[in-house]
N, C-alpha and C. Protein backbone atom coordinates (compact mmCIF):
# COMPACT_ATOMS: atom_id res chain seq x y z
N MET A 1 11.19 4.71 20.19
CA MET A 1 10.13 3.99 20.91
C MET A 1 10.71 2.73 21.53
N ASN A 2 10.20 2.37 22.71
CA ASN A 2 10.68 1.14 23.34
C ASN A 2 9.99 -0.08 22.71
N GLU A 3 10.35 -1.27 23.19
CA GLU A 3 9.85 -2.50 22.56
C GLU A 3 8.33 -2.61 22.64
N ARG A 4 7.75 -2.26 23.78
CA ARG A 4 6.29 -2.33 23.92
C ARG A 4 5.61 -1.34 22.99
N GLN A 5 6.17 -0.15 22.91
CA GLN A 5 5.59 0.87 22.02
C GLN A 5 5.74 0.46 20.56
N LYS A 6 6.85 -0.18 20.22
CA LYS A 6 7.04 -0.66 18.85
C LYS A 6 5.95 -1.67 18.48
N GLN A 7 5.72 -2.64 19.38
CA GLN A 7 4.70 -3.65 19.10
C GLN A 7 3.31 -3.02 19.04
N LEU A 8 3.07 -2.06 19.91
CA LEU A 8 1.79 -1.35 19.91
C LEU A 8 1.60 -0.61 18.58
N PHE A 9 2.64 0.07 18.15
CA PHE A 9 2.58 0.79 16.88
C PHE A 9 2.28 -0.16 15.72
N LEU A 10 2.98 -1.29 15.67
CA LEU A 10 2.76 -2.25 14.59
C LEU A 10 1.36 -2.84 14.63
N ASN A 11 0.85 -3.08 15.84
CA ASN A 11 -0.53 -3.58 15.97
C ASN A 11 -1.53 -2.56 15.43
N ILE A 12 -1.34 -1.30 15.78
CA ILE A 12 -2.23 -0.24 15.29
C ILE A 12 -2.15 -0.16 13.77
N LEU A 13 -0.94 -0.20 13.24
CA LEU A 13 -0.76 -0.08 11.79
C LEU A 13 -1.43 -1.23 11.05
N HIS A 14 -1.18 -2.46 11.50
CA HIS A 14 -1.76 -3.62 10.79
C HIS A 14 -3.27 -3.65 10.92
N GLU A 15 -3.79 -3.32 12.09
CA GLU A 15 -5.24 -3.32 12.27
C GLU A 15 -5.90 -2.24 11.41
N HIS A 16 -5.25 -1.08 11.32
CA HIS A 16 -5.81 -0.01 10.49
C HIS A 16 -5.74 -0.37 9.01
N ILE A 17 -4.65 -0.97 8.58
CA ILE A 17 -4.55 -1.41 7.18
C ILE A 17 -5.68 -2.37 6.85
N ASN A 18 -5.95 -3.30 7.76
CA ASN A 18 -6.97 -4.32 7.50
C ASN A 18 -8.39 -3.79 7.56
N SER A 19 -8.65 -2.83 8.43
CA SER A 19 -10.04 -2.41 8.67
C SER A 19 -10.36 -1.02 8.15
N GLY A 20 -9.36 -0.15 8.05
CA GLY A 20 -9.61 1.24 7.68
C GLY A 20 -10.14 2.08 8.82
N ARG A 21 -10.26 1.49 10.01
CA ARG A 21 -10.82 2.21 11.16
C ARG A 21 -9.71 2.70 12.09
N ALA A 22 -10.06 3.71 12.88
CA ALA A 22 -9.16 4.13 13.96
C ALA A 22 -9.18 3.06 15.04
N ILE A 23 -8.03 2.80 15.66
CA ILE A 23 -7.87 1.68 16.57
C ILE A 23 -7.75 2.19 18.01
N GLY A 24 -8.62 1.66 18.88
CA GLY A 24 -8.66 2.11 20.27
C GLY A 24 -7.89 1.20 21.22
N SER A 25 -7.60 1.71 22.40
CA SER A 25 -6.80 0.97 23.39
C SER A 25 -7.53 -0.27 23.89
N ASN A 26 -8.82 -0.17 24.16
CA ASN A 26 -9.55 -1.33 24.67
C ASN A 26 -9.54 -2.48 23.67
N PHE A 27 -9.71 -2.16 22.40
CA PHE A 27 -9.67 -3.18 21.35
C PHE A 27 -8.32 -3.88 21.34
N LEU A 28 -7.25 -3.12 21.44
CA LEU A 28 -5.91 -3.70 21.40
C LEU A 28 -5.64 -4.59 22.60
N VAL A 29 -6.04 -4.15 23.78
CA VAL A 29 -5.84 -4.94 24.99
C VAL A 29 -6.60 -6.26 24.89
N ASP A 30 -7.84 -6.19 24.41
CA ASP A 30 -8.67 -7.40 24.30
C ASP A 30 -8.14 -8.36 23.24
N LYS A 31 -7.81 -7.84 22.06
CA LYS A 31 -7.41 -8.72 20.96
C LYS A 31 -6.04 -9.33 21.18
N TYR A 32 -5.09 -8.54 21.65
CA TYR A 32 -3.72 -9.01 21.75
C TYR A 32 -3.36 -9.48 23.16
N ARG A 33 -4.35 -9.50 24.05
CA ARG A 33 -4.16 -10.00 25.42
C ARG A 33 -2.91 -9.42 26.07
N MET A 34 -2.79 -8.12 25.97
CA MET A 34 -1.64 -7.44 26.55
C MET A 34 -1.72 -7.48 28.08
N ASN A 35 -0.58 -7.69 28.68
CA ASN A 35 -0.53 -7.78 30.14
C ASN A 35 -0.33 -6.41 30.78
N VAL A 36 -0.99 -5.42 30.21
CA VAL A 36 -0.95 -4.07 30.76
C VAL A 36 -2.36 -3.50 30.68
N SER A 37 -2.60 -2.44 31.40
CA SER A 37 -3.93 -1.85 31.43
C SER A 37 -4.18 -0.99 30.21
N SER A 38 -5.46 -0.69 29.98
CA SER A 38 -5.81 0.23 28.90
C SER A 38 -5.19 1.60 29.13
N ALA A 39 -5.08 1.98 30.41
CA ALA A 39 -4.48 3.29 30.73
C ALA A 39 -3.01 3.34 30.29
N THR A 40 -2.29 2.24 30.51
CA THR A 40 -0.89 2.19 30.07
C THR A 40 -0.79 2.27 28.56
N ILE A 41 -1.69 1.56 27.88
CA ILE A 41 -1.71 1.60 26.42
C ILE A 41 -2.02 3.01 25.93
N ARG A 42 -2.96 3.66 26.60
CA ARG A 42 -3.30 5.04 26.20
C ARG A 42 -2.11 5.97 26.38
N ASN A 43 -1.35 5.77 27.46
CA ASN A 43 -0.14 6.58 27.67
C ASN A 43 0.89 6.34 26.57
N ASP A 44 1.05 5.06 26.19
CA ASP A 44 1.98 4.74 25.10
C ASP A 44 1.48 5.34 23.78
N MET A 45 0.17 5.29 23.56
CA MET A 45 -0.39 5.90 22.36
C MET A 45 -0.10 7.40 22.33
N ALA A 46 -0.26 8.03 23.47
CA ALA A 46 0.00 9.47 23.55
C ALA A 46 1.46 9.77 23.22
N GLU A 47 2.37 8.90 23.68
CA GLU A 47 3.79 9.10 23.39
C GLU A 47 4.08 8.87 21.90
N LEU A 48 3.48 7.84 21.31
CA LEU A 48 3.65 7.60 19.88
C LEU A 48 3.09 8.75 19.05
N GLU A 49 2.00 9.33 19.55
CA GLU A 49 1.42 10.48 18.86
C GLU A 49 2.34 11.69 19.00
N ARG A 50 2.91 11.87 20.17
CA ARG A 50 3.83 12.99 20.39
C ARG A 50 5.04 12.88 19.45
N GLN A 51 5.48 11.65 19.21
CA GLN A 51 6.63 11.42 18.33
C GLN A 51 6.25 11.48 16.85
N GLY A 52 4.95 11.56 16.56
CA GLY A 52 4.51 11.75 15.18
C GLY A 52 4.22 10.49 14.39
N TYR A 53 4.17 9.32 15.07
CA TYR A 53 3.95 8.06 14.35
C TYR A 53 2.47 7.73 14.16
N ILE A 54 1.63 8.22 15.04
CA ILE A 54 0.19 8.00 14.93
C ILE A 54 -0.54 9.31 15.21
N THR A 55 -1.80 9.34 14.84
CA THR A 55 -2.64 10.51 15.13
C THR A 55 -4.05 10.02 15.36
N HIS A 56 -4.93 10.91 15.82
CA HIS A 56 -6.32 10.49 16.00
C HIS A 56 -7.24 11.39 15.19
N PRO A 57 -8.14 10.78 14.42
CA PRO A 57 -9.12 11.56 13.68
C PRO A 57 -10.03 12.32 14.64
N HIS A 58 -10.57 13.42 14.19
CA HIS A 58 -11.43 14.24 15.05
C HIS A 58 -12.68 13.48 15.48
N THR A 59 -13.10 12.52 14.66
CA THR A 59 -14.36 11.82 14.94
C THR A 59 -14.18 10.56 15.76
N SER A 60 -12.95 10.28 16.23
CA SER A 60 -12.71 9.02 16.93
C SER A 60 -11.68 9.20 18.03
N ALA A 61 -11.82 8.37 19.07
CA ALA A 61 -10.82 8.36 20.13
C ALA A 61 -9.67 7.42 19.78
N GLY A 62 -9.84 6.62 18.72
CA GLY A 62 -8.79 5.70 18.31
C GLY A 62 -7.68 6.40 17.55
N ARG A 63 -6.68 5.62 17.15
CA ARG A 63 -5.51 6.18 16.46
C ARG A 63 -5.32 5.51 15.10
N ILE A 64 -4.69 6.26 14.19
CA ILE A 64 -4.30 5.74 12.88
C ILE A 64 -2.85 6.15 12.62
N PRO A 65 -2.13 5.41 11.79
CA PRO A 65 -0.74 5.79 11.49
C PRO A 65 -0.67 7.09 10.69
N THR A 66 0.37 7.84 10.89
CA THR A 66 0.65 9.02 10.07
C THR A 66 1.55 8.61 8.90
N GLU A 67 1.80 9.54 8.01
CA GLU A 67 2.73 9.26 6.91
C GLU A 67 4.11 8.92 7.48
N LYS A 68 4.52 9.63 8.53
CA LYS A 68 5.80 9.31 9.18
C LYS A 68 5.78 7.89 9.73
N GLY A 69 4.63 7.49 10.29
CA GLY A 69 4.51 6.14 10.82
C GLY A 69 4.64 5.08 9.73
N TYR A 70 3.96 5.30 8.62
CA TYR A 70 4.07 4.35 7.51
C TYR A 70 5.51 4.28 7.00
N GLN A 71 6.17 5.44 6.89
CA GLN A 71 7.54 5.44 6.40
C GLN A 71 8.46 4.70 7.36
N CYS A 72 8.23 4.86 8.65
CA CYS A 72 8.99 4.13 9.66
C CYS A 72 8.82 2.62 9.47
N TYR A 73 7.58 2.21 9.23
CA TYR A 73 7.29 0.79 9.00
C TYR A 73 8.03 0.29 7.75
N LEU A 74 7.95 1.05 6.68
CA LEU A 74 8.60 0.63 5.43
C LEU A 74 10.11 0.55 5.58
N ASP A 75 10.69 1.48 6.31
CA ASP A 75 12.14 1.54 6.46
C ASP A 75 12.69 0.47 7.40
N ASN A 76 11.89 0.09 8.41
CA ASN A 76 12.44 -0.73 9.49
C ASN A 76 11.80 -2.10 9.68
N TYR A 77 10.56 -2.28 9.26
CA TYR A 77 9.84 -3.50 9.63
C TYR A 77 9.29 -4.30 8.46
N LEU A 78 9.26 -3.74 7.27
CA LEU A 78 8.73 -4.46 6.11
C LEU A 78 9.73 -5.52 5.66
N ASP A 79 9.24 -6.73 5.43
CA ASP A 79 10.07 -7.82 4.93
C ASP A 79 10.21 -7.67 3.41
N LYS A 80 11.37 -7.21 2.97
CA LYS A 80 11.57 -6.92 1.54
C LYS A 80 11.61 -8.19 0.68
N GLU A 81 11.90 -9.33 1.31
CA GLU A 81 11.99 -10.60 0.57
C GLU A 81 10.78 -11.49 0.86
N VAL A 82 9.66 -10.89 1.15
CA VAL A 82 8.48 -11.65 1.54
C VAL A 82 8.10 -12.67 0.47
N GLU A 83 7.70 -13.85 0.93
CA GLU A 83 7.26 -14.92 0.03
C GLU A 83 5.75 -14.87 -0.09
N LEU A 84 5.26 -14.86 -1.31
CA LEU A 84 3.82 -14.79 -1.57
C LEU A 84 3.17 -16.12 -1.21
N ASN A 85 1.93 -16.06 -0.72
CA ASN A 85 1.25 -17.31 -0.36
C ASN A 85 0.90 -18.12 -1.60
N ARG A 86 0.65 -19.40 -1.39
CA ARG A 86 0.46 -20.33 -2.50
C ARG A 86 -0.74 -19.96 -3.37
N GLY A 87 -1.84 -19.55 -2.74
CA GLY A 87 -3.04 -19.21 -3.49
C GLY A 87 -2.81 -18.06 -4.45
N ASP A 88 -2.10 -17.02 -3.98
CA ASP A 88 -1.81 -15.88 -4.85
C ASP A 88 -0.87 -16.27 -5.98
N LYS A 89 0.11 -17.13 -5.68
CA LYS A 89 1.03 -17.59 -6.73
C LYS A 89 0.26 -18.32 -7.83
N GLU A 90 -0.64 -19.20 -7.42
CA GLU A 90 -1.41 -19.97 -8.39
C GLU A 90 -2.31 -19.07 -9.22
N ALA A 91 -2.90 -18.06 -8.57
CA ALA A 91 -3.79 -17.13 -9.29
C ALA A 91 -3.01 -16.35 -10.36
N LEU A 92 -1.81 -15.92 -10.02
CA LEU A 92 -0.99 -15.17 -10.98
C LEU A 92 -0.50 -16.07 -12.11
N ALA A 93 -0.10 -17.29 -11.77
CA ALA A 93 0.36 -18.23 -12.79
C ALA A 93 -0.76 -18.57 -13.76
N THR A 94 -1.97 -18.74 -13.24
CA THR A 94 -3.13 -19.02 -14.09
C THR A 94 -3.41 -17.84 -15.02
N ALA A 95 -3.32 -16.63 -14.48
CA ALA A 95 -3.55 -15.43 -15.30
C ALA A 95 -2.53 -15.34 -16.43
N LYS A 96 -1.28 -15.69 -16.13
CA LYS A 96 -0.24 -15.64 -17.16
C LYS A 96 -0.52 -16.62 -18.29
N SER A 97 -1.10 -17.77 -17.95
CA SER A 97 -1.32 -18.82 -18.95
C SER A 97 -2.56 -18.59 -19.80
N GLU A 98 -3.39 -17.62 -19.42
CA GLU A 98 -4.61 -17.36 -20.18
C GLU A 98 -4.28 -16.75 -21.54
N GLU A 99 -5.21 -16.94 -22.47
CA GLU A 99 -5.00 -16.43 -23.83
C GLU A 99 -4.94 -14.90 -23.82
N GLY A 100 -4.07 -14.37 -24.65
CA GLY A 100 -3.95 -12.91 -24.76
C GLY A 100 -2.60 -12.43 -24.28
N ASN A 101 -2.52 -11.14 -23.98
CA ASN A 101 -1.28 -10.52 -23.51
C ASN A 101 -1.05 -10.92 -22.05
N ASN A 102 -0.01 -11.71 -21.79
CA ASN A 102 0.13 -12.27 -20.44
C ASN A 102 0.39 -11.21 -19.38
N ILE A 103 1.12 -10.14 -19.70
CA ILE A 103 1.37 -9.13 -18.67
C ILE A 103 0.10 -8.34 -18.35
N LYS A 104 -0.76 -8.13 -19.34
CA LYS A 104 -2.04 -7.48 -19.06
C LYS A 104 -2.93 -8.38 -18.22
N ASN A 105 -2.94 -9.67 -18.53
CA ASN A 105 -3.73 -10.62 -17.74
C ASN A 105 -3.26 -10.64 -16.29
N VAL A 106 -1.94 -10.66 -16.12
CA VAL A 106 -1.38 -10.68 -14.77
C VAL A 106 -1.68 -9.36 -14.05
N ALA A 107 -1.60 -8.25 -14.77
CA ALA A 107 -1.91 -6.94 -14.17
C ALA A 107 -3.34 -6.91 -13.65
N LYS A 108 -4.27 -7.44 -14.42
CA LYS A 108 -5.67 -7.49 -13.98
C LYS A 108 -5.81 -8.32 -12.71
N LYS A 109 -5.09 -9.43 -12.65
CA LYS A 109 -5.16 -10.29 -11.46
C LYS A 109 -4.53 -9.60 -10.25
N ILE A 110 -3.42 -8.90 -10.46
CA ILE A 110 -2.80 -8.15 -9.35
C ILE A 110 -3.78 -7.11 -8.82
N ALA A 111 -4.46 -6.40 -9.73
CA ALA A 111 -5.44 -5.39 -9.31
C ALA A 111 -6.54 -6.02 -8.48
N GLU A 112 -6.98 -7.20 -8.89
CA GLU A 112 -8.03 -7.90 -8.14
C GLU A 112 -7.54 -8.33 -6.76
N LEU A 113 -6.34 -8.90 -6.70
CA LEU A 113 -5.82 -9.41 -5.43
C LEU A 113 -5.45 -8.29 -4.46
N SER A 114 -4.96 -7.19 -4.99
CA SER A 114 -4.51 -6.08 -4.14
C SER A 114 -5.61 -5.07 -3.84
N ASN A 115 -6.72 -5.17 -4.58
CA ASN A 115 -7.80 -4.18 -4.50
C ASN A 115 -7.25 -2.77 -4.72
N ALA A 116 -6.37 -2.67 -5.70
CA ALA A 116 -5.72 -1.39 -6.02
C ALA A 116 -5.67 -1.25 -7.54
N ALA A 117 -5.07 -0.17 -8.00
CA ALA A 117 -4.86 0.03 -9.44
C ALA A 117 -3.48 -0.50 -9.81
N VAL A 118 -3.36 -0.94 -11.05
CA VAL A 118 -2.08 -1.45 -11.55
C VAL A 118 -1.76 -0.76 -12.87
N VAL A 119 -0.52 -0.32 -12.99
CA VAL A 119 -0.05 0.36 -14.20
C VAL A 119 1.06 -0.47 -14.83
N VAL A 120 0.97 -0.66 -16.13
CA VAL A 120 2.04 -1.30 -16.90
C VAL A 120 2.49 -0.33 -17.98
N ALA A 121 3.78 -0.08 -18.05
CA ALA A 121 4.33 0.75 -19.13
C ALA A 121 5.21 -0.13 -20.00
N PHE A 122 4.75 -0.39 -21.22
CA PHE A 122 5.54 -1.18 -22.16
C PHE A 122 6.71 -0.35 -22.68
N GLU A 123 6.46 0.93 -22.86
CA GLU A 123 7.47 1.94 -23.15
C GLU A 123 7.04 3.19 -22.40
N LYS A 124 7.86 4.21 -22.40
CA LYS A 124 7.51 5.40 -21.62
C LYS A 124 6.26 6.11 -22.14
N ASN A 125 5.90 5.88 -23.39
CA ASN A 125 4.70 6.52 -23.94
C ASN A 125 3.65 5.50 -24.38
N ASN A 126 3.72 4.31 -23.80
CA ASN A 126 2.76 3.24 -24.12
C ASN A 126 2.37 2.55 -22.82
N ILE A 127 1.25 2.98 -22.23
CA ILE A 127 0.87 2.47 -20.92
C ILE A 127 -0.49 1.77 -20.95
N TYR A 128 -0.65 0.90 -19.97
CA TYR A 128 -1.92 0.19 -19.76
C TYR A 128 -2.21 0.26 -18.27
N TYR A 129 -3.44 0.54 -17.91
CA TYR A 129 -3.78 0.52 -16.49
C TYR A 129 -5.12 -0.15 -16.27
N THR A 130 -5.29 -0.71 -15.08
CA THR A 130 -6.51 -1.41 -14.73
C THR A 130 -6.73 -1.28 -13.22
N GLY A 131 -7.97 -1.44 -12.79
CA GLY A 131 -8.26 -1.42 -11.35
C GLY A 131 -8.51 -0.06 -10.74
N ILE A 132 -8.66 0.97 -11.57
CA ILE A 132 -8.93 2.31 -11.02
C ILE A 132 -10.20 2.30 -10.17
N SER A 133 -11.18 1.54 -10.59
CA SER A 133 -12.44 1.48 -9.82
C SER A 133 -12.23 0.92 -8.42
N ASN A 134 -11.17 0.11 -8.23
CA ASN A 134 -10.87 -0.41 -6.89
C ASN A 134 -10.59 0.72 -5.91
N LEU A 135 -9.93 1.77 -6.40
CA LEU A 135 -9.58 2.88 -5.52
C LEU A 135 -10.82 3.60 -5.00
N LEU A 136 -11.85 3.64 -5.84
CA LEU A 136 -13.07 4.36 -5.45
C LEU A 136 -13.83 3.63 -4.36
N THR A 137 -13.52 2.36 -4.12
CA THR A 137 -14.16 1.62 -3.03
C THR A 137 -13.46 1.85 -1.70
N GLN A 138 -12.29 2.48 -1.72
CA GLN A 138 -11.54 2.69 -0.49
C GLN A 138 -12.09 3.89 0.27
N PRO A 139 -12.19 3.80 1.59
CA PRO A 139 -12.74 4.92 2.37
C PRO A 139 -11.96 6.21 2.21
N GLU A 140 -10.67 6.11 1.91
CA GLU A 140 -9.86 7.31 1.72
C GLU A 140 -10.36 8.18 0.58
N PHE A 141 -11.03 7.57 -0.39
CA PHE A 141 -11.46 8.31 -1.57
C PHE A 141 -12.96 8.58 -1.56
N ALA A 142 -13.56 8.59 -0.37
CA ALA A 142 -14.99 8.90 -0.27
C ALA A 142 -15.24 10.40 -0.40
N ASP A 143 -14.24 11.20 -0.10
CA ASP A 143 -14.36 12.66 -0.17
C ASP A 143 -14.33 13.13 -1.63
N PHE A 144 -15.21 14.06 -1.97
CA PHE A 144 -15.31 14.52 -3.36
C PHE A 144 -14.00 15.12 -3.85
N ASP A 145 -13.33 15.89 -2.99
CA ASP A 145 -12.07 16.52 -3.40
C ASP A 145 -11.01 15.46 -3.75
N LEU A 146 -11.02 14.36 -2.98
CA LEU A 146 -10.05 13.30 -3.26
C LEU A 146 -10.40 12.56 -4.54
N ILE A 147 -11.69 12.41 -4.82
CA ILE A 147 -12.11 11.80 -6.09
C ILE A 147 -11.62 12.67 -7.25
N TYR A 148 -11.75 13.98 -7.08
CA TYR A 148 -11.26 14.90 -8.12
C TYR A 148 -9.75 14.73 -8.30
N ASP A 149 -9.03 14.67 -7.18
CA ASP A 149 -7.58 14.50 -7.26
C ASP A 149 -7.22 13.19 -7.98
N LEU A 150 -8.00 12.14 -7.67
CA LEU A 150 -7.74 10.84 -8.29
C LEU A 150 -8.00 10.90 -9.79
N SER A 151 -9.08 11.57 -10.19
CA SER A 151 -9.37 11.68 -11.62
C SER A 151 -8.28 12.48 -12.33
N PHE A 152 -7.71 13.46 -11.63
CA PHE A 152 -6.60 14.24 -12.20
C PHE A 152 -5.39 13.34 -12.42
N VAL A 153 -5.14 12.46 -11.45
CA VAL A 153 -4.02 11.51 -11.58
C VAL A 153 -4.21 10.63 -12.80
N VAL A 154 -5.43 10.10 -12.97
CA VAL A 154 -5.71 9.21 -14.10
C VAL A 154 -5.51 9.96 -15.42
N ASP A 155 -5.99 11.20 -15.47
CA ASP A 155 -5.88 11.99 -16.70
C ASP A 155 -4.42 12.27 -17.07
N HIS A 156 -3.54 12.31 -16.06
CA HIS A 156 -2.14 12.66 -16.32
C HIS A 156 -1.19 11.48 -16.08
N LEU A 157 -1.75 10.28 -16.04
CA LEU A 157 -0.95 9.09 -15.77
C LEU A 157 0.17 8.92 -16.78
N ASP A 158 -0.14 9.15 -18.04
CA ASP A 158 0.88 8.96 -19.08
C ASP A 158 2.04 9.94 -18.92
N GLU A 159 1.73 11.16 -18.47
CA GLU A 159 2.78 12.16 -18.28
C GLU A 159 3.71 11.77 -17.13
N VAL A 160 3.11 11.27 -16.04
CA VAL A 160 3.92 10.86 -14.89
C VAL A 160 4.81 9.68 -15.26
N VAL A 161 4.22 8.70 -15.92
CA VAL A 161 4.98 7.51 -16.32
C VAL A 161 6.14 7.88 -17.24
N GLU A 162 5.90 8.78 -18.16
CA GLU A 162 6.96 9.20 -19.08
C GLU A 162 8.13 9.82 -18.32
N LYS A 163 7.83 10.57 -17.25
CA LYS A 163 8.88 11.22 -16.47
C LYS A 163 9.71 10.23 -15.66
N ILE A 164 9.07 9.18 -15.14
CA ILE A 164 9.76 8.29 -14.21
C ILE A 164 10.23 6.99 -14.84
N PHE A 165 9.84 6.73 -16.08
CA PHE A 165 10.07 5.42 -16.70
C PHE A 165 11.54 5.01 -16.65
N ASP A 166 12.43 5.90 -17.01
CA ASP A 166 13.86 5.56 -17.07
C ASP A 166 14.49 5.45 -15.68
N SER A 167 13.98 6.21 -14.72
CA SER A 167 14.60 6.24 -13.40
C SER A 167 14.23 5.04 -12.54
N VAL A 168 13.07 4.45 -12.78
CA VAL A 168 12.66 3.28 -12.00
C VAL A 168 13.43 2.06 -12.50
N GLN A 169 14.19 1.44 -11.63
CA GLN A 169 14.95 0.23 -11.98
C GLN A 169 14.64 -0.87 -10.98
N GLU A 170 15.19 -0.75 -9.79
CA GLU A 170 14.89 -1.71 -8.74
C GLU A 170 13.51 -1.39 -8.14
N THR A 171 12.96 -2.35 -7.43
CA THR A 171 11.65 -2.15 -6.80
C THR A 171 11.74 -1.02 -5.78
N GLU A 172 10.79 -0.09 -5.83
CA GLU A 172 10.77 1.03 -4.90
C GLU A 172 9.35 1.31 -4.45
N ILE A 173 9.24 1.78 -3.21
CA ILE A 173 7.95 2.13 -2.63
C ILE A 173 7.97 3.61 -2.30
N LYS A 174 6.99 4.34 -2.79
CA LYS A 174 6.89 5.77 -2.53
C LYS A 174 5.51 6.07 -1.94
N ILE A 175 5.49 6.86 -0.89
CA ILE A 175 4.21 7.17 -0.24
C ILE A 175 4.05 8.67 -0.04
N GLY A 176 2.79 9.08 0.05
CA GLY A 176 2.47 10.45 0.44
C GLY A 176 3.16 11.49 -0.41
N LYS A 177 3.80 12.42 0.24
CA LYS A 177 4.42 13.56 -0.46
C LYS A 177 5.54 13.12 -1.39
N ASP A 178 6.12 11.94 -1.17
CA ASP A 178 7.19 11.44 -2.03
C ASP A 178 6.67 10.62 -3.21
N ASN A 179 5.37 10.33 -3.21
CA ASN A 179 4.81 9.51 -4.28
C ASN A 179 4.74 10.29 -5.58
N TYR A 180 5.02 9.62 -6.67
CA TYR A 180 5.06 10.28 -7.97
C TYR A 180 3.67 10.70 -8.45
N PHE A 181 2.64 9.97 -8.05
CA PHE A 181 1.33 10.13 -8.66
C PHE A 181 0.43 11.11 -7.90
N ALA A 182 0.34 10.98 -6.59
CA ALA A 182 -0.49 11.88 -5.78
C ALA A 182 -0.11 11.71 -4.32
N LYS A 183 -0.20 12.79 -3.55
CA LYS A 183 0.23 12.72 -2.15
C LYS A 183 -0.71 11.90 -1.30
N GLN A 184 -1.93 11.62 -1.78
CA GLN A 184 -2.87 10.79 -1.04
C GLN A 184 -2.63 9.30 -1.30
N CYS A 185 -1.66 8.99 -2.15
CA CYS A 185 -1.48 7.62 -2.62
C CYS A 185 -0.10 7.07 -2.25
N ALA A 186 0.02 5.76 -2.47
CA ALA A 186 1.30 5.07 -2.37
C ALA A 186 1.47 4.24 -3.63
N SER A 187 2.70 3.98 -3.99
CA SER A 187 2.96 3.15 -5.17
C SER A 187 4.13 2.22 -4.90
N ILE A 188 4.03 1.03 -5.49
CA ILE A 188 5.14 0.07 -5.51
C ILE A 188 5.48 -0.15 -6.97
N LEU A 189 6.67 0.25 -7.37
CA LEU A 189 7.07 0.22 -8.78
C LEU A 189 8.30 -0.65 -8.98
N THR A 190 8.38 -1.27 -10.15
CA THR A 190 9.56 -2.05 -10.48
C THR A 190 9.71 -2.13 -11.99
N LYS A 191 10.84 -2.62 -12.43
CA LYS A 191 11.07 -2.90 -13.84
C LYS A 191 11.14 -4.41 -14.05
N ILE A 192 10.47 -4.88 -15.09
CA ILE A 192 10.57 -6.27 -15.52
C ILE A 192 11.10 -6.24 -16.95
N ASP A 193 12.37 -6.58 -17.11
CA ASP A 193 13.05 -6.39 -18.39
C ASP A 193 12.95 -4.91 -18.77
N ASP A 194 12.32 -4.60 -19.87
CA ASP A 194 12.23 -3.19 -20.28
C ASP A 194 10.85 -2.59 -20.03
N LYS A 195 10.04 -3.26 -19.21
CA LYS A 195 8.70 -2.76 -18.90
C LYS A 195 8.63 -2.32 -17.45
N MET A 196 7.77 -1.36 -17.15
CA MET A 196 7.56 -0.91 -15.78
C MET A 196 6.21 -1.41 -15.28
N LEU A 197 6.19 -1.93 -14.07
CA LEU A 197 4.97 -2.43 -13.44
C LEU A 197 4.80 -1.75 -12.10
N GLY A 198 3.59 -1.33 -11.79
CA GLY A 198 3.37 -0.67 -10.51
C GLY A 198 1.99 -0.89 -9.95
N ILE A 199 1.91 -0.95 -8.62
CA ILE A 199 0.64 -0.96 -7.89
C ILE A 199 0.44 0.43 -7.32
N LEU A 200 -0.75 0.99 -7.53
CA LEU A 200 -1.08 2.32 -7.03
C LEU A 200 -2.31 2.21 -6.14
N GLY A 201 -2.20 2.69 -4.92
CA GLY A 201 -3.33 2.62 -3.99
C GLY A 201 -3.23 3.69 -2.93
N PRO A 202 -4.11 3.64 -1.95
CA PRO A 202 -4.02 4.60 -0.84
C PRO A 202 -2.78 4.32 0.00
N VAL A 203 -2.37 5.30 0.80
CA VAL A 203 -1.23 5.07 1.70
C VAL A 203 -1.53 3.91 2.64
N ARG A 204 -2.80 3.74 2.98
CA ARG A 204 -3.22 2.59 3.79
C ARG A 204 -3.38 1.36 2.88
N MET A 205 -2.26 0.77 2.53
CA MET A 205 -2.31 -0.44 1.71
C MET A 205 -1.54 -1.56 2.40
N ASP A 206 -1.82 -2.78 2.00
CA ASP A 206 -1.13 -3.95 2.55
C ASP A 206 0.21 -4.08 1.83
N TYR A 207 1.21 -3.38 2.34
CA TYR A 207 2.50 -3.34 1.67
C TYR A 207 3.16 -4.71 1.61
N GLN A 208 3.00 -5.50 2.66
CA GLN A 208 3.65 -6.80 2.69
C GLN A 208 3.12 -7.70 1.58
N ARG A 209 1.80 -7.79 1.46
CA ARG A 209 1.22 -8.63 0.42
C ARG A 209 1.49 -8.05 -0.97
N ASN A 210 1.31 -6.74 -1.11
CA ASN A 210 1.48 -6.13 -2.43
C ASN A 210 2.93 -6.21 -2.92
N LEU A 211 3.87 -6.08 -2.00
CA LEU A 211 5.27 -6.26 -2.38
C LEU A 211 5.51 -7.70 -2.80
N GLY A 212 4.86 -8.64 -2.11
CA GLY A 212 4.95 -10.04 -2.50
C GLY A 212 4.41 -10.28 -3.90
N LEU A 213 3.30 -9.61 -4.23
CA LEU A 213 2.73 -9.72 -5.58
C LEU A 213 3.71 -9.21 -6.64
N ILE A 214 4.33 -8.07 -6.35
CA ILE A 214 5.31 -7.50 -7.28
C ILE A 214 6.53 -8.42 -7.42
N ASN A 215 7.06 -8.88 -6.29
CA ASN A 215 8.26 -9.73 -6.33
C ASN A 215 8.01 -11.02 -7.11
N TYR A 216 6.86 -11.64 -6.87
CA TYR A 216 6.57 -12.90 -7.55
C TYR A 216 6.31 -12.67 -9.04
N THR A 217 5.65 -11.58 -9.37
CA THR A 217 5.38 -11.27 -10.77
C THR A 217 6.68 -11.07 -11.54
N LYS A 218 7.67 -10.46 -10.91
CA LYS A 218 8.98 -10.30 -11.56
C LYS A 218 9.57 -11.66 -11.93
N LYS A 219 9.47 -12.62 -11.02
CA LYS A 219 9.99 -13.97 -11.30
C LYS A 219 9.16 -14.65 -12.38
N LEU A 220 7.85 -14.45 -12.31
CA LEU A 220 6.93 -15.14 -13.22
C LEU A 220 7.09 -14.69 -14.66
N LEU A 221 7.35 -13.41 -14.87
CA LEU A 221 7.36 -12.84 -16.22
C LEU A 221 8.75 -12.70 -16.83
N LYS A 222 9.78 -13.00 -16.04
CA LYS A 222 11.14 -12.87 -16.60
C LYS A 222 11.48 -14.10 -17.44
């Protein structure tokens, strides 16, 4: 993709992550004050779709990123060393200082801030999870079949964690068909000392912020 198409793709991706809606050419031209016509943007969208980075739902003329598009973003445009904003840092530090198990307290706060589920594995057969209800608020899980798939994931969470516990070392992001938990989901996993911590959500997640939450939590709990 050329430079204009790259920026167009990133605009579509970020707007879709934030809103959950398909993104149209007129909206993009108006919001980003592009010095090109809607027709030019539509042509670029068609080319991005031909290359497999975006697609359009049957119910909308707008576009959403494909799994290939998200993977392209993760491989080429995600800031791996992103710095978490001050408010999120303070929220996590406060959670750590609260009475009780500090990693569980922090996990609950991460689930709240990310609007996703969080899994903590103290050992491969000793897990804690929170925030599953957050997933049910996401439009991706409005379909009954997907709710069933999600419930299956929850029921077998301990089995998945046991399989991957030893292999997860450095922070890794897995999406769609490569995700350990479900192809409709994405996960950001890492090890903190001998414990595994992960965020589990839809493929449409705020990877930049969620990676920041994981990175800062590693520093906070070490």
